[in-house]
Amino acid sequence: MIVNPKNGIDQLLFGMSHADVTSLYGKADNVFLDEEENSIWVYNALQFRLTFYADENFRLGYIIT
């Protein structure tokens, strides 16, 4: 796995849509909304927690790994 702080991690790139991420990694293990209505996706096996921002049309904006 290659980390590129400006662009993303592995094949994940900032700005991707839900459909883009699902096509790469499949269905997330857990999906929930935070207090600001952003969509949080958790992939346990990959150790990813992805945040899709509501005010950015649910584009990938934050990755925790």
N, C-alpha and C. Protein backbone atom coordinates (compact mmCIF):
# COMPACT_ATOMS: atom_id res chain seq x y z
N MET A 1 0.85 -1.17 0.00
CA MET A 1 0.00 0.00 0.00
C MET A 1 0.90 1.24 0.00
N ILE A 2 0.64 2.12 -0.95
CA ILE A 2 1.41 3.35 -1.08
C ILE A 2 0.59 4.52 -0.56
N VAL A 3 1.20 5.32 0.31
CA VAL A 3 0.54 6.50 0.87
C VAL A 3 1.06 7.73 0.13
N ASN A 4 0.14 8.49 -0.44
CA ASN A 4 0.48 9.74 -1.10
C ASN A 4 -0.37 10.82 -0.44
N PRO A 5 0.18 11.56 0.52
CA PRO A 5 -0.61 12.49 1.33
C PRO A 5 -1.45 13.50 0.54
N LYS A 6 -1.02 13.90 -0.62
CA LYS A 6 -1.78 14.88 -1.40
C LYS A 6 -2.92 14.26 -2.19
N ASN A 7 -2.81 12.96 -2.51
CA ASN A 7 -3.79 12.33 -3.40
C ASN A 7 -4.64 11.26 -2.74
N GLY A 8 -4.08 10.48 -1.83
CA GLY A 8 -4.84 9.40 -1.20
C GLY A 8 -3.94 8.27 -0.75
N ILE A 9 -4.54 7.09 -0.62
CA ILE A 9 -3.83 5.90 -0.17
C ILE A 9 -4.21 4.75 -1.11
N ASP A 10 -3.20 4.00 -1.55
CA ASP A 10 -3.42 2.86 -2.43
C ASP A 10 -4.19 3.36 -3.65
N GLN A 11 -5.34 2.77 -3.96
CA GLN A 11 -6.14 3.21 -5.10
C GLN A 11 -7.18 4.25 -4.71
N LEU A 12 -7.28 4.57 -3.42
CA LEU A 12 -8.23 5.58 -2.96
C LEU A 12 -7.69 6.97 -3.25
N LEU A 13 -8.50 7.77 -3.91
CA LEU A 13 -8.11 9.15 -4.22
C LEU A 13 -9.15 10.09 -3.63
N PHE A 14 -8.68 11.18 -3.06
CA PHE A 14 -9.60 12.17 -2.53
C PHE A 14 -10.50 12.68 -3.66
N GLY A 15 -11.78 12.83 -3.36
CA GLY A 15 -12.74 13.28 -4.36
C GLY A 15 -13.54 12.16 -4.99
N MET A 16 -13.21 10.91 -4.66
CA MET A 16 -13.97 9.78 -5.22
C MET A 16 -15.39 9.76 -4.67
N SER A 17 -16.29 9.20 -5.45
CA SER A 17 -17.68 9.05 -5.03
C SER A 17 -17.88 7.71 -4.33
N HIS A 18 -19.06 7.52 -3.75
CA HIS A 18 -19.40 6.23 -3.13
C HIS A 18 -19.26 5.10 -4.15
N ALA A 19 -19.75 5.32 -5.36
CA ALA A 19 -19.71 4.28 -6.40
C ALA A 19 -18.28 3.91 -6.77
N ASP A 20 -17.40 4.91 -6.85
CA ASP A 20 -15.99 4.64 -7.17
C ASP A 20 -15.35 3.74 -6.12
N VAL A 21 -15.58 4.05 -4.86
CA VAL A 21 -14.98 3.28 -3.77
C VAL A 21 -15.57 1.87 -3.72
N THR A 22 -16.88 1.76 -3.90
CA THR A 22 -17.53 0.45 -3.89
C THR A 22 -17.01 -0.42 -5.03
N SER A 23 -16.76 0.15 -6.19
CA SER A 23 -16.24 -0.64 -7.31
C SER A 23 -14.83 -1.16 -7.04
N LEU A 24 -14.05 -0.42 -6.25
CA LEU A 24 -12.69 -0.86 -5.92
C LEU A 24 -12.65 -1.87 -4.77
N TYR A 25 -13.39 -1.59 -3.70
CA TYR A 25 -13.25 -2.36 -2.47
C TYR A 25 -14.51 -3.12 -2.04
N GLY A 26 -15.58 -2.98 -2.78
CA GLY A 26 -16.82 -3.65 -2.41
C GLY A 26 -17.58 -2.90 -1.34
N LYS A 27 -18.58 -3.58 -0.80
CA LYS A 27 -19.43 -2.98 0.22
C LYS A 27 -18.68 -2.81 1.54
N ALA A 28 -18.87 -1.68 2.18
CA ALA A 28 -18.21 -1.41 3.47
C ALA A 28 -18.80 -2.29 4.56
N ASP A 29 -17.99 -2.58 5.59
CA ASP A 29 -18.45 -3.39 6.72
C ASP A 29 -19.43 -2.63 7.60
N ASN A 30 -19.27 -1.32 7.69
CA ASN A 30 -20.14 -0.49 8.52
C ASN A 30 -20.27 0.87 7.85
N VAL A 31 -21.49 1.39 7.81
CA VAL A 31 -21.76 2.71 7.24
C VAL A 31 -22.65 3.46 8.23
N PHE A 32 -22.27 4.70 8.55
CA PHE A 32 -23.09 5.50 9.45
C PHE A 32 -22.88 6.98 9.14
N LEU A 33 -23.73 7.82 9.70
CA LEU A 33 -23.62 9.27 9.56
C LEU A 33 -23.08 9.87 10.84
N ASP A 34 -22.21 10.86 10.73
CA ASP A 34 -21.72 11.55 11.92
C ASP A 34 -22.67 12.69 12.28
N GLU A 35 -22.30 13.49 13.26
CA GLU A 35 -23.17 14.56 13.75
C GLU A 35 -23.40 15.67 12.72
N GLU A 36 -22.56 15.74 11.69
CA GLU A 36 -22.71 16.74 10.64
C GLU A 36 -23.32 16.15 9.37
N GLU A 37 -23.85 14.93 9.48
CA GLU A 37 -24.50 14.23 8.37
C GLU A 37 -23.53 13.78 7.27
N ASN A 38 -22.24 13.70 7.60
CA ASN A 38 -21.26 13.14 6.67
C ASN A 38 -21.36 11.62 6.73
N SER A 39 -21.09 10.97 5.62
CA SER A 39 -21.17 9.52 5.54
C SER A 39 -19.81 8.92 5.90
N ILE A 40 -19.80 8.01 6.87
CA ILE A 40 -18.57 7.34 7.32
C ILE A 40 -18.66 5.87 6.90
N TRP A 41 -17.65 5.41 6.20
CA TRP A 41 -17.58 4.01 5.77
C TRP A 41 -16.38 3.36 6.44
N VAL A 42 -16.58 2.16 6.97
CA VAL A 42 -15.51 1.42 7.65
C VAL A 42 -15.27 0.10 6.93
N TYR A 43 -14.02 -0.14 6.59
CA TYR A 43 -13.57 -1.41 6.01
C TYR A 43 -12.64 -2.05 7.02
N ASN A 44 -13.12 -3.05 7.74
CA ASN A 44 -12.33 -3.65 8.82
C ASN A 44 -11.08 -4.36 8.32
N ALA A 45 -11.19 -5.19 7.30
CA ALA A 45 -10.04 -5.96 6.83
C ALA A 45 -8.93 -5.06 6.27
N LEU A 46 -9.32 -3.96 5.65
CA LEU A 46 -8.34 -3.03 5.08
C LEU A 46 -7.87 -1.99 6.08
N GLN A 47 -8.54 -1.92 7.20
CA GLN A 47 -8.26 -0.94 8.26
C GLN A 47 -8.40 0.49 7.74
N PHE A 48 -9.48 0.73 7.01
CA PHE A 48 -9.81 2.05 6.48
C PHE A 48 -11.05 2.58 7.16
N ARG A 49 -11.08 3.86 7.43
CA ARG A 49 -12.29 4.58 7.81
C ARG A 49 -12.34 5.80 6.91
N LEU A 50 -13.36 5.86 6.08
CA LEU A 50 -13.46 6.88 5.04
C LEU A 50 -14.59 7.83 5.36
N THR A 51 -14.36 9.12 5.16
CA THR A 51 -15.39 10.14 5.38
C THR A 51 -15.73 10.78 4.05
N PHE A 52 -17.02 10.74 3.71
CA PHE A 52 -17.55 11.39 2.52
C PHE A 52 -18.34 12.60 3.01
N TYR A 53 -17.93 13.80 2.61
CA TYR A 53 -18.52 15.02 3.14
C TYR A 53 -19.82 15.40 2.44
N ALA A 54 -20.86 15.63 3.24
CA ALA A 54 -22.18 15.99 2.73
C ALA A 54 -22.14 17.28 1.94
N ASP A 55 -21.40 18.27 2.41
CA ASP A 55 -21.36 19.56 1.73
C ASP A 55 -20.49 19.55 0.47
N GLU A 56 -19.86 18.42 0.17
CA GLU A 56 -19.06 18.25 -1.04
C GLU A 56 -19.67 17.16 -1.94
N ASN A 57 -20.99 17.03 -1.89
CA ASN A 57 -21.71 16.02 -2.67
C ASN A 57 -21.25 14.59 -2.37
N PHE A 58 -20.93 14.34 -1.12
CA PHE A 58 -20.49 13.04 -0.63
C PHE A 58 -19.28 12.51 -1.40
N ARG A 59 -18.31 13.37 -1.56
CA ARG A 59 -17.02 12.98 -2.14
C ARG A 59 -16.05 12.64 -1.01
N LEU A 60 -15.16 11.70 -1.27
CA LEU A 60 -14.18 11.27 -0.27
C LEU A 60 -13.27 12.44 0.10
N GLY A 61 -13.22 12.74 1.39
CA GLY A 61 -12.42 13.87 1.82
C GLY A 61 -11.46 13.56 2.95
N TYR A 62 -11.61 12.39 3.59
CA TYR A 62 -10.79 12.10 4.77
C TYR A 62 -10.61 10.60 4.87
N ILE A 63 -9.38 10.17 5.09
CA ILE A 63 -9.06 8.74 5.23
C ILE A 63 -8.31 8.53 6.52
N ILE A 64 -8.78 7.59 7.31
CA ILE A 64 -8.05 7.16 8.50
C ILE A 64 -7.65 5.71 8.29
N THR A 65 -6.38 5.40 8.53
CA THR A 65 -5.92 4.03 8.38
C THR A 65 -4.90 3.70 9.44
